[in-house]
Amino acid sequence: MQSLHDFTGKVLGFISRSFLDGDKNLTVETPLMELNILDSVSVFDIVDYISSEFKIRIPLEEIDPVNFQSVVRLEEMILRLASGESGK
């Protein structure tokens, strides 16, 4: 798996380009769901991006709004999945 720094930067860039017209003010703590940056459809766009870019499969049971609240929460989920743990 790529480093967490690579993951963070690439995911921030993807969200910025895809959902914020390239706005650079996005941080790892930005509340993505609360600010309506992400919705139920865009969550699946992120899942697809992570799957293709990082070769990480996100199981259906992990596709929960809690895991997509911020890039930090996404990182936590990815680290948990990489270690073989499940959040459910």
PDB file of N, CA and C in Angstrom:
ATOM      1  N   MET A   1       0.845  -1.186   0.000  1.00  0.00           N
ATOM      2  CA  MET A   1       0.000   0.000   0.000  1.00  0.00           C
ATOM      3  C   MET A   1       0.886   1.243   0.000  1.00  0.00           C
ATOM      4  N   GLN A   2       0.411   2.277  -0.677  1.00  0.00           N
ATOM      5  CA  GLN A   2       1.143   3.531  -0.695  1.00  0.00           C
ATOM      6  C   GLN A   2       1.133   4.135   0.705  1.00  0.00           C
ATOM      7  N   SER A   3       2.014   5.116   0.918  1.00  0.00           N
ATOM      8  CA  SER A   3       2.090   5.723   2.237  1.00  0.00           C
ATOM      9  C   SER A   3       0.830   6.514   2.551  1.00  0.00           C
ATOM     10  N   LEU A   4       0.619   6.733   3.838  1.00  0.00           N
ATOM     11  CA  LEU A   4      -0.553   7.490   4.271  1.00  0.00           C
ATOM     12  C   LEU A   4      -0.504   8.916   3.740  1.00  0.00           C
ATOM     13  N   HIS A   5       0.702   9.482   3.640  1.00  0.00           N
ATOM     14  CA  HIS A   5       0.843  10.837   3.092  1.00  0.00           C
ATOM     15  C   HIS A   5       0.363  10.869   1.639  1.00  0.00           C
ATOM     16  N   ASP A   6       0.742   9.865   0.852  1.00  0.00           N
ATOM     17  CA  ASP A   6       0.272   9.772  -0.532  1.00  0.00           C
ATOM     18  C   ASP A   6      -1.243   9.669  -0.558  1.00  0.00           C
ATOM     19  N   PHE A   7      -1.785   8.821   0.304  1.00  0.00           N
ATOM     20  CA  PHE A   7      -3.226   8.633   0.367  1.00  0.00           C
ATOM     21  C   PHE A   7      -3.918   9.954   0.669  1.00  0.00           C
ATOM     22  N   THR A   8      -3.467  10.636   1.699  1.00  0.00           N
ATOM     23  CA  THR A   8      -4.089  11.888   2.130  1.00  0.00           C
ATOM     24  C   THR A   8      -4.077  12.926   1.009  1.00  0.00           C
ATOM     25  N   GLY A   9      -2.925  13.161   0.439  1.00  0.00           N
ATOM     26  CA  GLY A   9      -2.814  14.163  -0.617  1.00  0.00           C
ATOM     27  C   GLY A   9      -3.655  13.837  -1.833  1.00  0.00           C
ATOM     28  N   LYS A  10      -3.630  12.578  -2.243  1.00  0.00           N
ATOM     29  CA  LYS A  10      -4.393  12.180  -3.421  1.00  0.00           C
ATOM     30  C   LYS A  10      -5.898  12.252  -3.177  1.00  0.00           C
ATOM     31  N   VAL A  11      -6.353  11.835  -2.013  1.00  0.00           N
ATOM     32  CA  VAL A  11      -7.785  11.879  -1.717  1.00  0.00           C
ATOM     33  C   VAL A  11      -8.256  13.333  -1.576  1.00  0.00           C
ATOM     34  N   LEU A  12      -7.458  14.162  -0.911  1.00  0.00           N
ATOM     35  CA  LEU A  12      -7.811  15.587  -0.825  1.00  0.00           C
ATOM     36  C   LEU A  12      -7.917  16.190  -2.227  1.00  0.00           C
ATOM     37  N   GLY A  13      -6.964  15.873  -3.089  1.00  0.00           N
ATOM     38  CA  GLY A  13      -6.992  16.381  -4.461  1.00  0.00           C
ATOM     39  C   GLY A  13      -8.192  15.890  -5.236  1.00  0.00           C
ATOM     40  N   PHE A  14      -8.517  14.603  -5.089  1.00  0.00           N
ATOM     41  CA  PHE A  14      -9.666  14.033  -5.785  1.00  0.00           C
ATOM     42  C   PHE A  14     -10.962  14.713  -5.343  1.00  0.00           C
ATOM     43  N   ILE A  15     -11.149  14.864  -4.040  1.00  0.00           N
ATOM     44  CA  ILE A  15     -12.372  15.504  -3.532  1.00  0.00           C
ATOM     45  C   ILE A  15     -12.439  16.951  -3.992  1.00  0.00           C
ATOM     46  N   SER A  16     -11.320  17.644  -3.916  1.00  0.00           N
ATOM     47  CA  SER A  16     -11.273  19.048  -4.341  1.00  0.00           C
ATOM     48  C   SER A  16     -11.643  19.192  -5.817  1.00  0.00           C
ATOM     49  N   ARG A  17     -11.040  18.375  -6.666  1.00  0.00           N
ATOM     50  CA  ARG A  17     -11.313  18.446  -8.114  1.00  0.00           C
ATOM     51  C   ARG A  17     -12.731  17.996  -8.449  1.00  0.00           C
ATOM     52  N   SER A  18     -13.165  16.925  -7.822  1.00  0.00           N
ATOM     53  CA  SER A  18     -14.429  16.302  -8.200  1.00  0.00           C
ATOM     54  C   SER A  18     -15.663  16.994  -7.641  1.00  0.00           C
ATOM     55  N   PHE A  19     -15.534  17.553  -6.444  1.00  0.00           N
ATOM     56  CA  PHE A  19     -16.730  18.062  -5.777  1.00  0.00           C
ATOM     57  C   PHE A  19     -16.660  19.535  -5.388  1.00  0.00           C
ATOM     58  N   LEU A  20     -15.486  20.156  -5.527  1.00  0.00           N
ATOM     59  CA  LEU A  20     -15.327  21.558  -5.100  1.00  0.00           C
ATOM     60  C   LEU A  20     -14.703  22.434  -6.185  1.00  0.00           C
ATOM     61  N   ASP A  21     -14.765  22.017  -7.438  1.00  0.00           N
ATOM     62  CA  ASP A  21     -14.207  22.790  -8.552  1.00  0.00           C
ATOM     63  C   ASP A  21     -12.763  23.219  -8.311  1.00  0.00           C
ATOM     64  N   GLY A  22     -11.974  22.356  -7.661  1.00  0.00           N
ATOM     65  CA  GLY A  22     -10.561  22.634  -7.443  1.00  0.00           C
ATOM     66  C   GLY A  22     -10.247  23.524  -6.259  1.00  0.00           C
ATOM     67  N   ASP A  23     -11.224  23.816  -5.416  1.00  0.00           N
ATOM     68  CA  ASP A  23     -11.005  24.652  -4.227  1.00  0.00           C
ATOM     69  C   ASP A  23      -9.893  24.038  -3.382  1.00  0.00           C
ATOM     70  N   LYS A  24      -8.907  24.828  -3.032  1.00  0.00           N
ATOM     71  CA  LYS A  24      -7.736  24.342  -2.287  1.00  0.00           C
ATOM     72  C   LYS A  24      -7.885  24.494  -0.770  1.00  0.00           C
ATOM     73  N   ASN A  25      -9.023  24.920  -0.281  1.00  0.00           N
ATOM     74  CA  ASN A  25      -9.202  25.153   1.155  1.00  0.00           C
ATOM     75  C   ASN A  25      -9.607  23.901   1.933  1.00  0.00           C
ATOM     76  N   LEU A  26      -9.709  22.789   1.274  1.00  0.00           N
ATOM     77  CA  LEU A  26     -10.079  21.534   1.912  1.00  0.00           C
ATOM     78  C   LEU A  26      -8.935  21.039   2.790  1.00  0.00           C
ATOM     79  N   THR A  27      -9.252  20.593   4.015  1.00  0.00           N
ATOM     80  CA  THR A  27      -8.257  20.014   4.912  1.00  0.00           C
ATOM     81  C   THR A  27      -8.681  18.602   5.297  1.00  0.00           C
ATOM     82  N   VAL A  28      -7.812  17.902   5.988  1.00  0.00           N
ATOM     83  CA  VAL A  28      -8.147  16.542   6.425  1.00  0.00           C
ATOM     84  C   VAL A  28      -9.269  16.532   7.452  1.00  0.00           C
ATOM     85  N   GLU A  29      -9.499  17.655   8.106  1.00  0.00           N
ATOM     86  CA  GLU A  29     -10.535  17.755   9.138  1.00  0.00           C
ATOM     87  C   GLU A  29     -11.858  18.339   8.616  1.00  0.00           C
ATOM     88  N   THR A  30     -11.899  18.807   7.380  1.00  0.00           N
ATOM     89  CA  THR A  30     -13.120  19.400   6.834  1.00  0.00           C
ATOM     90  C   THR A  30     -14.266  18.401   6.957  1.00  0.00           C
ATOM     91  N   PRO A  31     -15.388  18.820   7.558  1.00  0.00           N
ATOM     92  CA  PRO A  31     -16.536  17.908   7.721  1.00  0.00           C
ATOM     93  C   PRO A  31     -17.277  17.720   6.390  1.00  0.00           C
ATOM     94  N   LEU A  32     -16.894  16.711   5.660  1.00  0.00           N
ATOM     95  CA  LEU A  32     -17.375  16.495   4.305  1.00  0.00           C
ATOM     96  C   LEU A  32     -18.881  16.273   4.213  1.00  0.00           C
ATOM     97  N   MET A  33     -19.422  15.489   5.101  1.00  0.00           N
ATOM     98  CA  MET A  33     -20.858  15.205   5.074  1.00  0.00           C
ATOM     99  C   MET A  33     -21.649  16.394   5.625  1.00  0.00           C
ATOM    100  N   GLU A  34     -21.172  16.946   6.711  1.00  0.00           N
ATOM    101  CA  GLU A  34     -21.862  18.057   7.366  1.00  0.00           C
ATOM    102  C   GLU A  34     -21.981  19.271   6.441  1.00  0.00           C
ATOM    103  N   LEU A  35     -20.957  19.526   5.640  1.00  0.00           N
ATOM    104  CA  LEU A  35     -20.973  20.672   4.725  1.00  0.00           C
ATOM    105  C   LEU A  35     -21.570  20.314   3.360  1.00  0.00           C
ATOM    106  N   ASN A  36     -22.101  19.104   3.249  1.00  0.00           N
ATOM    107  CA  ASN A  36     -22.701  18.619   2.000  1.00  0.00           C
ATOM    108  C   ASN A  36     -21.725  18.617   0.830  1.00  0.00           C
ATOM    109  N   ILE A  37     -20.446  18.434   1.132  1.00  0.00           N
ATOM    110  CA  ILE A  37     -19.456  18.255   0.073  1.00  0.00           C
ATOM    111  C   ILE A  37     -19.656  16.870  -0.525  1.00  0.00           C
ATOM    112  N   LEU A  38     -19.949  15.907   0.348  1.00  0.00           N
ATOM    113  CA  LEU A  38     -20.244  14.549  -0.088  1.00  0.00           C
ATOM    114  C   LEU A  38     -21.700  14.222   0.216  1.00  0.00           C
ATOM    115  N   ASP A  39     -22.278  13.420  -0.667  1.00  0.00           N
ATOM    116  CA  ASP A  39     -23.605  12.873  -0.426  1.00  0.00           C
ATOM    117  C   ASP A  39     -23.530  11.369  -0.690  1.00  0.00           C
ATOM    118  N   SER A  40     -24.652  10.699  -0.652  1.00  0.00           N
ATOM    119  CA  SER A  40     -24.624   9.243  -0.784  1.00  0.00           C
ATOM    120  C   SER A  40     -24.071   8.794  -2.136  1.00  0.00           C
ATOM    121  N   VAL A  41     -24.297   9.553  -3.180  1.00  0.00           N
ATOM    122  CA  VAL A  41     -23.773   9.186  -4.495  1.00  0.00           C
ATOM    123  C   VAL A  41     -22.262   9.427  -4.571  1.00  0.00           C
ATOM    124  N   SER A  42     -21.805  10.569  -4.078  1.00  0.00           N
ATOM    125  CA  SER A  42     -20.376  10.883  -4.162  1.00  0.00           C
ATOM    126  C   SER A  42     -19.535   9.955  -3.286  1.00  0.00           C
ATOM    127  N   VAL A  43     -20.115   9.402  -2.235  1.00  0.00           N
ATOM    128  CA  VAL A  43     -19.396   8.423  -1.411  1.00  0.00           C
ATOM    129  C   VAL A  43     -18.965   7.245  -2.285  1.00  0.00           C
ATOM    130  N   PHE A  44     -19.847   6.815  -3.177  1.00  0.00           N
ATOM    131  CA  PHE A  44     -19.494   5.691  -4.046  1.00  0.00           C
ATOM    132  C   PHE A  44     -18.445   6.089  -5.077  1.00  0.00           C
ATOM    133  N   ASP A  45     -18.412   7.359  -5.469  1.00  0.00           N
ATOM    134  CA  ASP A  45     -17.336   7.842  -6.337  1.00  0.00           C
ATOM    135  C   ASP A  45     -15.993   7.735  -5.616  1.00  0.00           C
ATOM    136  N   ILE A  46     -15.974   8.081  -4.332  1.00  0.00           N
ATOM    137  CA  ILE A  46     -14.739   7.985  -3.546  1.00  0.00           C
ATOM    138  C   ILE A  46     -14.331   6.528  -3.361  1.00  0.00           C
ATOM    139  N   VAL A  47     -15.293   5.664  -3.095  1.00  0.00           N
ATOM    140  CA  VAL A  47     -14.995   4.236  -2.958  1.00  0.00           C
ATOM    141  C   VAL A  47     -14.360   3.716  -4.246  1.00  0.00           C
ATOM    142  N   ASP A  48     -14.926   4.087  -5.379  1.00  0.00           N
ATOM    143  CA  ASP A  48     -14.381   3.661  -6.676  1.00  0.00           C
ATOM    144  C   ASP A  48     -12.973   4.223  -6.878  1.00  0.00           C
ATOM    145  N   TYR A  49     -12.768   5.489  -6.525  1.00  0.00           N
ATOM    146  CA  TYR A  49     -11.450   6.105  -6.663  1.00  0.00           C
ATOM    147  C   TYR A  49     -10.417   5.376  -5.796  1.00  0.00           C
ATOM    148  N   ILE A  50     -10.746   5.131  -4.546  1.00  0.00           N
ATOM    149  CA  ILE A  50      -9.817   4.450  -3.639  1.00  0.00           C
ATOM    150  C   ILE A  50      -9.501   3.048  -4.153  1.00  0.00           C
ATOM    151  N   SER A  51     -10.521   2.374  -4.652  1.00  0.00           N
ATOM    152  CA  SER A  51     -10.327   1.031  -5.186  1.00  0.00           C
ATOM    153  C   SER A  51      -9.387   1.034  -6.386  1.00  0.00           C
ATOM    154  N   SER A  52      -9.594   1.957  -7.302  1.00  0.00           N
ATOM    155  CA  SER A  52      -8.760   1.967  -8.510  1.00  0.00           C
ATOM    156  C   SER A  52      -7.381   2.580  -8.256  1.00  0.00           C
ATOM    157  N   GLU A  53      -7.292   3.620  -7.464  1.00  0.00           N
ATOM    158  CA  GLU A  53      -6.024   4.318  -7.242  1.00  0.00           C
ATOM    159  C   GLU A  53      -5.104   3.563  -6.275  1.00  0.00           C
ATOM    160  N   PHE A  54      -5.674   2.978  -5.233  1.00  0.00           N
ATOM    161  CA  PHE A  54      -4.870   2.371  -4.172  1.00  0.00           C
ATOM    162  C   PHE A  54      -5.007   0.853  -4.090  1.00  0.00           C
ATOM    163  N   LYS A  55      -5.862   0.290  -4.946  1.00  0.00           N
ATOM    164  CA  LYS A  55      -6.081  -1.169  -4.959  1.00  0.00           C
ATOM    165  C   LYS A  55      -6.547  -1.675  -3.593  1.00  0.00           C
ATOM    166  N   ILE A  56      -7.437  -0.896  -2.974  1.00  0.00           N
ATOM    167  CA  ILE A  56      -8.008  -1.258  -1.679  1.00  0.00           C
ATOM    168  C   ILE A  56      -9.493  -1.482  -1.878  1.00  0.00           C
ATOM    169  N   ARG A  57      -9.958  -2.647  -1.492  1.00  0.00           N
ATOM    170  CA  ARG A  57     -11.383  -2.962  -1.593  1.00  0.00           C
ATOM    171  C   ARG A  57     -12.062  -2.528  -0.302  1.00  0.00           C
ATOM    172  N   ILE A  58     -13.108  -1.725  -0.432  1.00  0.00           N
ATOM    173  CA  ILE A  58     -13.877  -1.294   0.731  1.00  0.00           C
ATOM    174  C   ILE A  58     -15.158  -2.124   0.763  1.00  0.00           C
ATOM    175  N   PRO A  59     -15.292  -2.996   1.755  1.00  0.00           N
ATOM    176  CA  PRO A  59     -16.483  -3.843   1.841  1.00  0.00           C
ATOM    177  C   PRO A  59     -17.753  -2.998   2.022  1.00  0.00           C
ATOM    178  N   LEU A  60     -18.847  -3.522   1.542  1.00  0.00           N
ATOM    179  CA  LEU A  60     -20.122  -2.818   1.611  1.00  0.00           C
ATOM    180  C   LEU A  60     -20.478  -2.396   3.034  1.00  0.00           C
ATOM    181  N   GLU A  61     -20.168  -3.234   4.014  1.00  0.00           N
ATOM    182  CA  GLU A  61     -20.513  -2.900   5.404  1.00  0.00           C
ATOM    183  C   GLU A  61     -19.710  -1.705   5.940  1.00  0.00           C
ATOM    184  N   GLU A  62     -18.620  -1.342   5.264  1.00  0.00           N
ATOM    185  CA  GLU A  62     -17.825  -0.184   5.684  1.00  0.00           C
ATOM    186  C   GLU A  62     -18.322   1.124   5.047  1.00  0.00           C
ATOM    187  N   ILE A  63     -19.225   1.006   4.081  1.00  0.00           N
ATOM    188  CA  ILE A  63     -19.740   2.206   3.413  1.00  0.00           C
ATOM    189  C   ILE A  63     -20.843   2.779   4.293  1.00  0.00           C
ATOM    190  N   ASP A  64     -20.381   3.523   5.263  1.00  0.00           N
ATOM    191  CA  ASP A  64     -21.205   4.116   6.308  1.00  0.00           C
ATOM    192  C   ASP A  64     -20.828   5.594   6.391  1.00  0.00           C
ATOM    193  N   PRO A  65     -21.797   6.499   6.502  1.00  0.00           N
ATOM    194  CA  PRO A  65     -21.467   7.929   6.558  1.00  0.00           C
ATOM    195  C   PRO A  65     -20.409   8.282   7.602  1.00  0.00           C
ATOM    196  N   VAL A  66     -20.341   7.545   8.681  1.00  0.00           N
ATOM    197  CA  VAL A  66     -19.354   7.804   9.731  1.00  0.00           C
ATOM    198  C   VAL A  66     -17.937   7.709   9.167  1.00  0.00           C
ATOM    199  N   ASN A  67     -17.699   6.761   8.272  1.00  0.00           N
ATOM    200  CA  ASN A  67     -16.366   6.566   7.703  1.00  0.00           C
ATOM    201  C   ASN A  67     -15.997   7.615   6.662  1.00  0.00           C
ATOM    202  N   PHE A  68     -16.967   8.439   6.258  1.00  0.00           N
ATOM    203  CA  PHE A  68     -16.736   9.429   5.221  1.00  0.00           C
ATOM    204  C   PHE A  68     -16.949  10.854   5.726  1.00  0.00           C
ATOM    205  N   GLN A  69     -16.918  11.028   7.033  1.00  0.00           N
ATOM    206  CA  GLN A  69     -17.128  12.354   7.620  1.00  0.00           C
ATOM    207  C   GLN A  69     -16.005  13.319   7.282  1.00  0.00           C
ATOM    208  N   SER A  70     -14.797  12.815   7.137  1.00  0.00           N
ATOM    209  CA  SER A  70     -13.628  13.653   6.826  1.00  0.00           C
ATOM    210  C   SER A  70     -12.562  12.741   6.227  1.00  0.00           C
ATOM    211  N   VAL A  71     -11.524  13.355   5.697  1.00  0.00           N
ATOM    212  CA  VAL A  71     -10.418  12.570   5.157  1.00  0.00           C
ATOM    213  C   VAL A  71      -9.727  11.811   6.289  1.00  0.00           C
ATOM    214  N   VAL A  72      -9.691  12.374   7.470  1.00  0.00           N
ATOM    215  CA  VAL A  72      -9.118  11.668   8.630  1.00  0.00           C
ATOM    216  C   VAL A  72      -9.895  10.371   8.884  1.00  0.00           C
ATOM    217  N   ARG A  73     -11.214  10.432   8.826  1.00  0.00           N
ATOM    218  CA  ARG A  73     -12.017   9.221   9.045  1.00  0.00           C
ATOM    219  C   ARG A  73     -11.790   8.203   7.931  1.00  0.00           C
ATOM    220  N   LEU A  74     -11.618   8.680   6.704  1.00  0.00           N
ATOM    221  CA  LEU A  74     -11.285   7.778   5.601  1.00  0.00           C
ATOM    222  C   LEU A  74      -9.949   7.087   5.859  1.00  0.00           C
ATOM    223  N   GLU A  75      -8.963   7.857   6.305  1.00  0.00           N
ATOM    224  CA  GLU A  75      -7.644   7.292   6.626  1.00  0.00           C
ATOM    225  C   GLU A  75      -7.770   6.213   7.692  1.00  0.00           C
ATOM    226  N   GLU A  76      -8.542   6.503   8.736  1.00  0.00           N
ATOM    227  CA  GLU A  76      -8.718   5.533   9.817  1.00  0.00           C
ATOM    228  C   GLU A  76      -9.321   4.242   9.285  1.00  0.00           C
ATOM    229  N   MET A  77     -10.329   4.365   8.407  1.00  0.00           N
ATOM    230  CA  MET A  77     -10.962   3.177   7.837  1.00  0.00           C
ATOM    231  C   MET A  77      -9.957   2.391   6.996  1.00  0.00           C
ATOM    232  N   ILE A  78      -9.183   3.087   6.166  1.00  0.00           N
ATOM    233  CA  ILE A  78      -8.220   2.419   5.297  1.00  0.00           C
ATOM    234  C   ILE A  78      -7.153   1.705   6.122  1.00  0.00           C
ATOM    235  N   LEU A  79      -6.649   2.350   7.158  1.00  0.00           N
ATOM    236  CA  LEU A  79      -5.655   1.708   8.026  1.00  0.00           C
ATOM    237  C   LEU A  79      -6.244   0.474   8.703  1.00  0.00           C
ATOM    238  N   ARG A  80      -7.483   0.583   9.159  1.00  0.00           N
ATOM    239  CA  ARG A  80      -8.150  -0.546   9.801  1.00  0.00           C
ATOM    240  C   ARG A  80      -8.309  -1.703   8.812  1.00  0.00           C
ATOM    241  N   LEU A  81      -8.733  -1.388   7.595  1.00  0.00           N
ATOM    242  CA  LEU A  81      -8.905  -2.433   6.574  1.00  0.00           C
ATOM    243  C   LEU A  81      -7.565  -3.051   6.193  1.00  0.00           C
ATOM    244  N   ALA A  82      -6.532  -2.224   6.081  1.00  0.00           N
ATOM    245  CA  ALA A  82      -5.202  -2.725   5.720  1.00  0.00           C
ATOM    246  C   ALA A  82      -4.653  -3.658   6.795  1.00  0.00           C
ATOM    247  N   SER A  83      -5.055  -3.432   8.046  1.00  0.00           N
ATOM    248  CA  SER A  83      -4.572  -4.293   9.132  1.00  0.00           C
ATOM    249  C   SER A  83      -5.436  -5.539   9.306  1.00  0.00           C
ATOM    250  N   GLY A  84      -6.492  -5.645   8.484  1.00  0.00           N
ATOM    251  CA  GLY A  84      -7.355  -6.820   8.548  1.00  0.00           C
ATOM    252  C   GLY A  84      -8.495  -6.718   9.514  1.00  0.00           C
ATOM    253  N   GLU A  85      -8.674  -5.559  10.139  1.00  0.00           N
ATOM    254  CA  GLU A  85      -9.761  -5.365  11.086  1.00  0.00           C
ATOM    255  C   GLU A  85     -11.005  -4.898  10.350  1.00  0.00           C
ATOM    256  N   SER A  86     -12.132  -5.146  10.948  1.00  0.00           N
ATOM    257  CA  SER A  86     -13.405  -4.656  10.414  1.00  0.00           C
ATOM    258  C   SER A  86     -14.018  -3.741  11.458  1.00  0.00           C
ATOM    259  N   GLY A  87     -14.696  -2.709  10.988  1.00  0.00           N
ATOM    260  CA  GLY A  87     -15.343  -1.769  11.911  1.00  0.00           C
ATOM    261  C   GLY A  87     -16.690  -2.243  12.371  1.00  0.00           C
ATOM    262  N   LYS A  88     -17.197  -3.304  11.781  1.00  0.00           N
ATOM    263  CA  LYS A  88     -18.541  -3.791  12.111  1.00  0.00           C
ATOM    264  C   LYS A  88     -18.486  -5.057  12.918  1.00  0.00           C
TER     265      LYS A  88
END
